[in-house]
Structures are given as structure tokens and as C-alpha cells.
């Protein structure tokens, strides 16, 4: 459908940017995990998890996004990040 082509191209560009940011976020997670391993800090810090999830939900709401959608997305992201951190810490 030619009518949708420019919109699909824009969505593709945005999706690429989102994936790039996710990759950058996970690289920072790996750096944090190395520091946690070095200093004996556990991978999972429940208060930080909740703070990040709620901060992002509020920010999403300010941008017109559904807060629950943002919470679910961040629950998935944070769970994956914690898994990465646990793996790195266990290998140290």
C-alpha cells in the first residue's frame, strides 16, 4: 500500500533507533554488573527496580503513553538486565 509507505519508513527508522538505544542500555547494564561484582553488590536491587519502572511509567504518561504498557515493557527490560547482571556476577 503506497499510501502507508512513508509512515512505515518512519516507523522502521524509529524502531532502529529504539533497538540502538536498547543495545546501548544493555551495554551500560554490563558495565554496572562488572562494578557490582567488584564491590559485592547484588544484581537485583528491588527498590531501584521499582523506582526505574515507576519513573518511566510517569514519564511515559507525560508523553501520552499508557502507564501500564510502559510498566510492562520495563518489567521485561529490567528482568532481562537482571539476568545479564546475575550471569556476569556469577562468572566473576
PDB file of N, CA and C in Angstrom:
ATOM      1  N   UNK A   1       0.829  -1.172   0.000  1.00  0.00           N
ATOM      2  CA  UNK A   1       0.000   0.000   0.000  1.00  0.00           C
ATOM      3  C   UNK A   1       0.881   1.245   0.000  1.00  0.00           C
ATOM      4  N   UNK A   2       0.904   1.904  -1.095  1.00  0.00           N
ATOM      5  CA  UNK A   2       1.744   3.096  -1.269  1.00  0.00           C
ATOM      6  C   UNK A   2       1.411   4.205  -0.276  1.00  0.00           C
ATOM      7  N   UNK A   3       0.152   4.323   0.067  1.00  0.00           N
ATOM      8  CA  UNK A   3      -0.285   5.361   0.989  1.00  0.00           C
ATOM      9  C   UNK A   3       0.427   5.254   2.338  1.00  0.00           C
ATOM     10  N   UNK A   4       0.695   4.041   2.763  1.00  0.00           N
ATOM     11  CA  UNK A   4       1.319   3.808   4.069  1.00  0.00           C
ATOM     12  C   UNK A   4       2.846   3.803   4.027  1.00  0.00           C
ATOM     13  N   UNK A   5       3.418   3.768   2.848  1.00  0.00           N
ATOM     14  CA  UNK A   5       4.861   3.608   2.699  1.00  0.00           C
ATOM     15  C   UNK A   5       5.675   4.635   3.496  1.00  0.00           C
ATOM     16  N   UNK A   6       5.382   5.936   3.435  1.00  0.00           N
ATOM     17  CA  UNK A   6       6.191   6.884   4.201  1.00  0.00           C
ATOM     18  C   UNK A   6       6.050   6.687   5.714  1.00  0.00           C
ATOM     19  N   UNK A   7       4.886   6.269   6.154  1.00  0.00           N
ATOM     20  CA  UNK A   7       4.679   6.034   7.581  1.00  0.00           C
ATOM     21  C   UNK A   7       5.439   4.792   8.041  1.00  0.00           C
ATOM     22  N   UNK A   8       5.408   3.783   7.203  1.00  0.00           N
ATOM     23  CA  UNK A   8       6.148   2.567   7.529  1.00  0.00           C
ATOM     24  C   UNK A   8       7.649   2.840   7.574  1.00  0.00           C
ATOM     25  N   UNK A   9       8.130   3.673   6.661  1.00  0.00           N
ATOM     26  CA  UNK A   9       9.550   4.032   6.657  1.00  0.00           C
ATOM     27  C   UNK A   9       9.913   4.778   7.945  1.00  0.00           C
ATOM     28  N   UNK A  10       9.047   5.685   8.365  1.00  0.00           N
ATOM     29  CA  UNK A  10       9.305   6.428   9.608  1.00  0.00           C
ATOM     30  C   UNK A  10       9.294   5.481  10.803  1.00  0.00           C
ATOM     31  N   UNK A  11       8.322   4.559  10.840  1.00  0.00           N
ATOM     32  CA  UNK A  11       8.271   3.578  11.932  1.00  0.00           C
ATOM     33  C   UNK A  11       9.533   2.718  11.930  1.00  0.00           C
ATOM     34  N   UNK A  12       9.981   2.295  10.754  1.00  0.00           N
ATOM     35  CA  UNK A  12      11.210   1.499  10.667  1.00  0.00           C
ATOM     36  C   UNK A  12      12.407   2.272  11.222  1.00  0.00           C
ATOM     37  N   UNK A  13      12.488   3.557  10.883  1.00  0.00           N
ATOM     38  CA  UNK A  13      13.578   4.391  11.388  1.00  0.00           C
ATOM     39  C   UNK A  13      13.512   4.509  12.905  1.00  0.00           C
ATOM     40  N   UNK A  14      12.307   4.724  13.420  1.00  0.00           N
ATOM     41  CA  UNK A  14      12.133   4.812  14.872  1.00  0.00           C
ATOM     42  C   UNK A  14      12.462   3.486  15.549  1.00  0.00           C
ATOM     43  N   UNK A  15      12.040   2.377  14.948  1.00  0.00           N
ATOM     44  CA  UNK A  15      12.352   1.065  15.507  1.00  0.00           C
ATOM     45  C   UNK A  15      13.866   0.841  15.556  1.00  0.00           C
ATOM     46  N   UNK A  16      14.567   1.253  14.513  1.00  0.00           N
ATOM     47  CA  UNK A  16      16.031   1.132  14.516  1.00  0.00           C
ATOM     48  C   UNK A  16      16.635   1.940  15.659  1.00  0.00           C
ATOM     49  N   UNK A  17      16.121   3.139  15.880  1.00  0.00           N
ATOM     50  CA  UNK A  17      16.621   3.979  16.967  1.00  0.00           C
ATOM     51  C   UNK A  17      16.331   3.346  18.327  1.00  0.00           C
ATOM     52  N   UNK A  18      15.154   2.770  18.478  1.00  0.00           N
ATOM     53  CA  UNK A  18      14.804   2.094  19.734  1.00  0.00           C
ATOM     54  C   UNK A  18      15.752   0.926  19.992  1.00  0.00           C
ATOM     55  N   UNK A  19      16.007   0.126  18.967  1.00  0.00           N
ATOM     56  CA  UNK A  19      16.914  -1.015  19.122  1.00  0.00           C
ATOM     57  C   UNK A  19      18.326  -0.535  19.462  1.00  0.00           C
ATOM     58  N   UNK A  20      18.780   0.533  18.813  1.00  0.00           N
ATOM     59  CA  UNK A  20      20.099   1.089  19.125  1.00  0.00           C
ATOM     60  C   UNK A  20      20.173   1.528  20.588  1.00  0.00           C
ATOM     61  N   UNK A  21      19.129   2.174  21.079  1.00  0.00           N
ATOM     62  CA  UNK A  21      19.098   2.612  22.473  1.00  0.00           C
ATOM     63  C   UNK A  21      19.038   1.426  23.429  1.00  0.00           C
ATOM     64  N   UNK A  22      18.301   0.389  23.069  1.00  0.00           N
ATOM     65  CA  UNK A  22      18.266  -0.807  23.900  1.00  0.00           C
ATOM     66  C   UNK A  22      19.646  -1.455  23.987  1.00  0.00           C
ATOM     67  N   UNK A  23      20.338  -1.516  22.871  1.00  0.00           N
ATOM     68  CA  UNK A  23      21.695  -2.080  22.870  1.00  0.00           C
ATOM     69  C   UNK A  23      22.619  -1.241  23.744  1.00  0.00           C
ATOM     70  N   UNK A  24      22.495   0.071  23.660  1.00  0.00           N
ATOM     71  CA  UNK A  24      23.312   0.960  24.494  1.00  0.00           C
ATOM     72  C   UNK A  24      22.968   0.764  25.971  1.00  0.00           C
ATOM     73  N   UNK A  25      21.684   0.625  26.280  1.00  0.00           N
ATOM     74  CA  UNK A  25      21.262   0.398  27.662  1.00  0.00           C
ATOM     75  C   UNK A  25      21.857  -0.899  28.200  1.00  0.00           C
ATOM     76  N   UNK A  26      21.823  -1.957  27.396  1.00  0.00           N
ATOM     77  CA  UNK A  26      22.351  -3.241  27.856  1.00  0.00           C
ATOM     78  C   UNK A  26      23.872  -3.195  28.033  1.00  0.00           C
ATOM     79  N   UNK A  27      24.551  -2.372  27.248  1.00  0.00           N
ATOM     80  CA  UNK A  27      25.992  -2.217  27.452  1.00  0.00           C
ATOM     81  C   UNK A  27      26.269  -1.560  28.802  1.00  0.00           C
ATOM     82  N   UNK A  28      25.476  -0.569  29.149  1.00  0.00           N
ATOM     83  CA  UNK A  28      25.620   0.072  30.462  1.00  0.00           C
ATOM     84  C   UNK A  28      25.304  -0.937  31.567  1.00  0.00           C
ATOM     85  N   UNK A  29      24.295  -1.769  31.359  1.00  0.00           N
ATOM     86  CA  UNK A  29      23.956  -2.817  32.324  1.00  0.00           C
ATOM     87  C   UNK A  29      25.167  -3.717  32.549  1.00  0.00           C
ATOM     88  N   UNK A  30      25.858  -4.081  31.490  1.00  0.00           N
ATOM     89  CA  UNK A  30      27.053  -4.934  31.624  1.00  0.00           C
ATOM     90  C   UNK A  30      28.149  -4.230  32.427  1.00  0.00           C
ATOM     91  N   UNK A  31      28.318  -2.944  32.206  1.00  0.00           N
ATOM     92  CA  UNK A  31      29.307  -2.172  32.963  1.00  0.00           C
ATOM     93  C   UNK A  31      28.926  -2.113  34.444  1.00  0.00           C
ATOM     94  N   UNK A  32      27.650  -1.900  34.716  1.00  0.00           N
ATOM     95  CA  UNK A  32      27.160  -1.869  36.094  1.00  0.00           C
ATOM     96  C   UNK A  32      27.380  -3.231  36.753  1.00  0.00           C
ATOM     97  N   UNK A  33      27.102  -4.294  36.024  1.00  0.00           N
ATOM     98  CA  UNK A  33      27.290  -5.638  36.567  1.00  0.00           C
ATOM     99  C   UNK A  33      28.736  -5.882  36.966  1.00  0.00           C
ATOM    100  N   UNK A  34      29.663  -5.406  36.164  1.00  0.00           N
ATOM    101  CA  UNK A  34      31.077  -5.564  36.498  1.00  0.00           C
ATOM    102  C   UNK A  34      31.409  -4.821  37.792  1.00  0.00           C
ATOM    103  N   UNK A  35      30.871  -3.630  37.947  1.00  0.00           N
ATOM    104  CA  UNK A  35      31.089  -2.870  39.188  1.00  0.00           C
ATOM    105  C   UNK A  35      30.438  -3.564  40.378  1.00  0.00           C
ATOM    106  N   UNK A  36      29.233  -4.080  40.182  1.00  0.00           N
ATOM    107  CA  UNK A  36      28.565  -4.793  41.261  1.00  0.00           C
ATOM    108  C   UNK A  36      29.373  -6.018  41.675  1.00  0.00           C
ATOM    109  N   UNK A  37      29.893  -6.749  40.708  1.00  0.00           N
ATOM    110  CA  UNK A  37      30.706  -7.927  41.008  1.00  0.00           C
ATOM    111  C   UNK A  37      31.949  -7.531  41.795  1.00  0.00           C
ATOM    112  N   UNK A  38      32.576  -6.465  41.381  1.00  0.00           N
ATOM    113  CA  UNK A  38      33.808  -5.989  42.025  1.00  0.00           C
ATOM    114  C   UNK A  38      33.570  -5.563  43.473  1.00  0.00           C
ATOM    115  N   UNK A  39      32.384  -5.035  43.750  1.00  0.00           N
ATOM    116  CA  UNK A  39      32.106  -4.477  45.071  1.00  0.00           C
ATOM    117  C   UNK A  39      31.114  -5.306  45.888  1.00  0.00           C
ATOM    118  N   UNK A  40      30.791  -6.498  45.408  1.00  0.00           N
ATOM    119  CA  UNK A  40      29.917  -7.385  46.163  1.00  0.00           C
ATOM    120  C   UNK A  40      28.477  -6.898  46.286  1.00  0.00           C
ATOM    121  N   UNK A  41      28.018  -6.173  45.302  1.00  0.00           N
ATOM    122  CA  UNK A  41      26.654  -5.662  45.303  1.00  0.00           C
ATOM    123  C   UNK A  41      25.775  -6.663  44.547  1.00  0.00           C
ATOM    124  N   UNK A  42      24.617  -7.008  45.098  1.00  0.00           N
ATOM    125  CA  UNK A  42      23.759  -7.972  44.397  1.00  0.00           C
ATOM    126  C   UNK A  42      23.204  -7.409  43.089  1.00  0.00           C
ATOM    127  N   UNK A  43      22.902  -8.312  42.171  1.00  0.00           N
ATOM    128  CA  UNK A  43      22.366  -7.901  40.864  1.00  0.00           C
ATOM    129  C   UNK A  43      20.989  -7.266  41.016  1.00  0.00           C
ATOM    130  N   UNK A  44      20.154  -7.869  41.850  1.00  0.00           N
ATOM    131  CA  UNK A  44      18.772  -7.419  41.982  1.00  0.00           C
ATOM    132  C   UNK A  44      18.652  -6.501  43.198  1.00  0.00           C
ATOM    133  N   UNK A  45      18.265  -5.262  42.922  1.00  0.00           N
ATOM    134  CA  UNK A  45      18.014  -4.275  43.973  1.00  0.00           C
ATOM    135  C   UNK A  45      16.561  -3.812  43.802  1.00  0.00           C
ATOM    136  N   UNK A  46      15.669  -4.429  44.576  1.00  0.00           N
ATOM    137  CA  UNK A  46      14.233  -4.241  44.380  1.00  0.00           C
ATOM    138  C   UNK A  46      13.802  -2.778  44.417  1.00  0.00           C
ATOM    139  N   UNK A  47      14.372  -1.979  45.317  1.00  0.00           N
ATOM    140  CA  UNK A  47      13.956  -0.576  45.398  1.00  0.00           C
ATOM    141  C   UNK A  47      14.324   0.177  44.125  1.00  0.00           C
ATOM    142  N   UNK A  48      15.467  -0.137  43.551  1.00  0.00           N
ATOM    143  CA  UNK A  48      15.883   0.502  42.294  1.00  0.00           C
ATOM    144  C   UNK A  48      14.981   0.051  41.143  1.00  0.00           C
ATOM    145  N   UNK A  49      14.644  -1.218  41.114  1.00  0.00           N
ATOM    146  CA  UNK A  49      13.779  -1.740  40.055  1.00  0.00           C
ATOM    147  C   UNK A  49      12.446  -0.998  40.067  1.00  0.00           C
ATOM    148  N   UNK A  50      11.841  -0.897  41.236  1.00  0.00           N
ATOM    149  CA  UNK A  50      10.553  -0.225  41.352  1.00  0.00           C
ATOM    150  C   UNK A  50      10.668   1.251  40.991  1.00  0.00           C
ATOM    151  N   UNK A  51      11.742   1.894  41.419  1.00  0.00           N
ATOM    152  CA  UNK A  51      11.932   3.319  41.127  1.00  0.00           C
ATOM    153  C   UNK A  51      12.061   3.559  39.620  1.00  0.00           C
ATOM    154  N   UNK A  52      12.822   2.723  38.940  1.00  0.00           N
ATOM    155  CA  UNK A  52      13.001   2.873  37.489  1.00  0.00           C
ATOM    156  C   UNK A  52      11.674   2.651  36.772  1.00  0.00           C
ATOM    157  N   UNK A  53      10.997   1.582  37.134  1.00  0.00           N
ATOM    158  CA  UNK A  53       9.732   1.256  36.480  1.00  0.00           C
ATOM    159  C   UNK A  53       8.710   2.389  36.652  1.00  0.00           C
ATOM    160  N   UNK A  54       8.601   2.915  37.851  1.00  0.00           N
ATOM    161  CA  UNK A  54       7.614   3.966  38.108  1.00  0.00           C
ATOM    162  C   UNK A  54       8.023   5.298  37.481  1.00  0.00           C
ATOM    163  N   UNK A  55       9.315   5.608  37.494  1.00  0.00           N
ATOM    164  CA  UNK A  55       9.777   6.841  36.849  1.00  0.00           C
ATOM    165  C   UNK A  55       9.467   6.802  35.364  1.00  0.00           C
ATOM    166  N   UNK A  56       9.736   5.673  34.749  1.00  0.00           N
ATOM    167  CA  UNK A  56       9.475   5.538  33.310  1.00  0.00           C
ATOM    168  C   UNK A  56       7.979   5.549  33.009  1.00  0.00           C
ATOM    169  N   UNK A  57       7.173   4.943  33.869  1.00  0.00           N
ATOM    170  CA  UNK A  57       5.717   4.960  33.668  1.00  0.00           C
ATOM    171  C   UNK A  57       5.194   6.391  33.733  1.00  0.00           C
ATOM    172  N   UNK A  58       5.672   7.168  34.709  1.00  0.00           N
ATOM    173  CA  UNK A  58       5.252   8.571  34.814  1.00  0.00           C
ATOM    174  C   UNK A  58       5.706   9.372  33.602  1.00  0.00           C
ATOM    175  N   UNK A  59       6.940   9.161  33.194  1.00  0.00           N
ATOM    176  CA  UNK A  59       7.462   9.874  32.023  1.00  0.00           C
ATOM    177  C   UNK A  59       6.657   9.506  30.780  1.00  0.00           C
ATOM    178  N   UNK A  60       6.350   8.224  30.638  1.00  0.00           N
ATOM    179  CA  UNK A  60       5.534   7.786  29.516  1.00  0.00           C
ATOM    180  C   UNK A  60       4.171   8.451  29.526  1.00  0.00           C
ATOM    181  N   UNK A  61       3.558   8.532  30.692  1.00  0.00           N
ATOM    182  CA  UNK A  61       2.247   9.174  30.803  1.00  0.00           C
ATOM    183  C   UNK A  61       2.325  10.636  30.387  1.00  0.00           C
ATOM    184  N   UNK A  62       3.412  11.300  30.768  1.00  0.00           N
ATOM    185  CA  UNK A  62       3.603  12.705  30.367  1.00  0.00           C
ATOM    186  C   UNK A  62       3.694  12.845  28.854  1.00  0.00           C
ATOM    187  N   UNK A  63       4.128  11.782  28.196  1.00  0.00           N
ATOM    188  CA  UNK A  63       4.257  11.783  26.735  1.00  0.00           C
ATOM    189  C   UNK A  63       3.041  11.185  26.040  1.00  0.00           C
ATOM    190  N   UNK A  64       2.009  10.899  26.808  1.00  0.00           N
ATOM    191  CA  UNK A  64       0.781  10.383  26.229  1.00  0.00           C
ATOM    192  C   UNK A  64       0.710   8.873  26.090  1.00  0.00           C
ATOM    193  N   UNK A  65       1.647   8.160  26.730  1.00  0.00           N
ATOM    194  CA  UNK A  65       1.651   6.698  26.662  1.00  0.00           C
ATOM    195  C   UNK A  65       0.852   6.105  27.816  1.00  0.00           C
ATOM    196  N   UNK A  66       0.381   4.900  27.625  1.00  0.00           N
ATOM    197  CA  UNK A  66      -0.311   4.179  28.668  1.00  0.00           C
ATOM    198  C   UNK A  66       0.707   3.745  29.732  1.00  0.00           C
ATOM    199  N   UNK A  67       0.473   4.156  30.978  1.00  0.00           N
ATOM    200  CA  UNK A  67       1.420   3.843  32.059  1.00  0.00           C
ATOM    201  C   UNK A  67       1.617   2.342  32.230  1.00  0.00           C
ATOM    202  N   UNK A  68       0.550   1.576  32.135  1.00  0.00           N
ATOM    203  CA  UNK A  68       0.661   0.133  32.344  1.00  0.00           C
ATOM    204  C   UNK A  68       1.493  -0.517  31.238  1.00  0.00           C
ATOM    205  N   UNK A  69       1.361  -0.034  30.018  1.00  0.00           N
ATOM    206  CA  UNK A  69       2.199  -0.543  28.928  1.00  0.00           C
ATOM    207  C   UNK A  69       3.668  -0.285  29.231  1.00  0.00           C
ATOM    208  N   UNK A  70       3.980   0.917  29.674  1.00  0.00           N
ATOM    209  CA  UNK A  70       5.375   1.262  29.979  1.00  0.00           C
ATOM    210  C   UNK A  70       5.885   0.396  31.136  1.00  0.00           C
ATOM    211  N   UNK A  71       5.053   0.196  32.151  1.00  0.00           N
ATOM    212  CA  UNK A  71       5.459  -0.672  33.277  1.00  0.00           C
ATOM    213  C   UNK A  71       5.763  -2.083  32.784  1.00  0.00           C
ATOM    214  N   UNK A  72       4.895  -2.626  31.929  1.00  0.00           N
ATOM    215  CA  UNK A  72       5.117  -3.988  31.420  1.00  0.00           C
ATOM    216  C   UNK A  72       6.398  -4.072  30.595  1.00  0.00           C
ATOM    217  N   UNK A  73       6.617  -3.062  29.740  1.00  0.00           N
ATOM    218  CA  UNK A  73       7.850  -3.046  28.939  1.00  0.00           C
ATOM    219  C   UNK A  73       9.082  -2.990  29.841  1.00  0.00           C
ATOM    220  N   UNK A  74       9.028  -2.134  30.849  1.00  0.00           N
ATOM    221  CA  UNK A  74      10.186  -2.001  31.730  1.00  0.00           C
ATOM    222  C   UNK A  74      10.366  -3.203  32.635  1.00  0.00           C
ATOM    223  N   UNK A  75       9.289  -3.878  32.983  1.00  0.00           N
ATOM    224  CA  UNK A  75       9.421  -5.125  33.736  1.00  0.00           C
ATOM    225  C   UNK A  75      10.217  -6.125  32.903  1.00  0.00           C
ATOM    226  N   UNK A  76       9.895  -6.227  31.634  1.00  0.00           N
ATOM    227  CA  UNK A  76      10.619  -7.128  30.737  1.00  0.00           C
ATOM    228  C   UNK A  76      12.080  -6.708  30.583  1.00  0.00           C
ATOM    229  N   UNK A  77      12.314  -5.426  30.341  1.00  0.00           N
ATOM    230  CA  UNK A  77      13.681  -4.929  30.189  1.00  0.00           C
ATOM    231  C   UNK A  77      14.512  -5.147  31.447  1.00  0.00           C
ATOM    232  N   UNK A  78      13.929  -4.825  32.582  1.00  0.00           N
ATOM    233  CA  UNK A  78      14.660  -4.938  33.845  1.00  0.00           C
ATOM    234  C   UNK A  78      14.930  -6.400  34.183  1.00  0.00           C
ATOM    235  N   UNK A  79      13.967  -7.265  33.929  1.00  0.00           N
ATOM    236  CA  UNK A  79      14.183  -8.693  34.171  1.00  0.00           C
ATOM    237  C   UNK A  79      15.346  -9.197  33.334  1.00  0.00           C
ATOM    238  N   UNK A  80      15.384  -8.804  32.075  1.00  0.00           N
ATOM    239  CA  UNK A  80      16.492  -9.205  31.206  1.00  0.00           C
ATOM    240  C   UNK A  80      17.815  -8.623  31.704  1.00  0.00           C
ATOM    241  N   UNK A  81      17.796  -7.362  32.109  1.00  0.00           N
ATOM    242  CA  UNK A  81      19.010  -6.720  32.621  1.00  0.00           C
ATOM    243  C   UNK A  81      19.510  -7.440  33.875  1.00  0.00           C
ATOM    244  N   UNK A  82      18.603  -7.800  34.770  1.00  0.00           N
ATOM    245  CA  UNK A  82      18.998  -8.522  35.984  1.00  0.00           C
ATOM    246  C   UNK A  82      19.589  -9.890  35.647  1.00  0.00           C
ATOM    247  N   UNK A  83      19.028 -10.555  34.656  1.00  0.00           N
ATOM    248  CA  UNK A  83      19.580 -11.842  34.210  1.00  0.00           C
ATOM    249  C   UNK A  83      21.009 -11.663  33.703  1.00  0.00           C
ATOM    250  N   UNK A  84      21.233 -10.620  32.921  1.00  0.00           N
ATOM    251  CA  UNK A  84      22.587 -10.331  32.417  1.00  0.00           C
ATOM    252  C   UNK A  84      23.525 -10.066  33.587  1.00  0.00           C
ATOM    253  N   UNK A  85      23.077  -9.247  34.528  1.00  0.00           N
ATOM    254  CA  UNK A  85      23.918  -8.922  35.686  1.00  0.00           C
ATOM    255  C   UNK A  85      24.241 -10.169  36.495  1.00  0.00           C
ATOM    256  N   UNK A  86      23.241 -11.009  36.752  1.00  0.00           N
ATOM    257  CA  UNK A  86      23.468 -12.253  37.517  1.00  0.00           C
ATOM    258  C   UNK A  86      24.517 -13.112  36.824  1.00  0.00           C
ATOM    259  N   UNK A  87      24.412 -13.240  35.514  1.00  0.00           N
ATOM    260  CA  UNK A  87      25.366 -14.053  34.752  1.00  0.00           C
ATOM    261  C   UNK A  87      26.782 -13.492  34.876  1.00  0.00           C
ATOM    262  N   UNK A  88      26.915 -12.200  34.744  1.00  0.00           N
ATOM    263  CA  UNK A  88      28.231 -11.566  34.827  1.00  0.00           C
ATOM    264  C   UNK A  88      28.805 -11.696  36.242  1.00  0.00           C
ATOM    265  N   UNK A  89      27.962 -11.473  37.245  1.00  0.00           N
ATOM    266  CA  UNK A  89      28.424 -11.554  38.625  1.00  0.00           C
ATOM    267  C   UNK A  89      28.842 -12.979  38.970  1.00  0.00           C
ATOM    268  N   UNK A  90      28.095 -13.972  38.515  1.00  0.00           N
ATOM    269  CA  UNK A  90      28.442 -15.363  38.785  1.00  0.00           C
ATOM    270  C   UNK A  90      29.757 -15.774  38.137  1.00  0.00           C
ATOM    271  N   UNK A  91      30.071 -15.181  36.996  1.00  0.00           N
ATOM    272  CA  UNK A  91      31.316 -15.517  36.298  1.00  0.00           C
ATOM    273  C   UNK A  91      32.532 -14.847  36.935  1.00  0.00           C
ATOM    274  N   UNK A  92      32.282 -13.846  37.755  1.00  0.00           N
ATOM    275  CA  UNK A  92      33.410 -13.092  38.370  1.00  0.00           C
ATOM    276  C   UNK A  92      33.956 -13.801  39.585  1.00  0.00           C
TER     277      UNK A  92
END
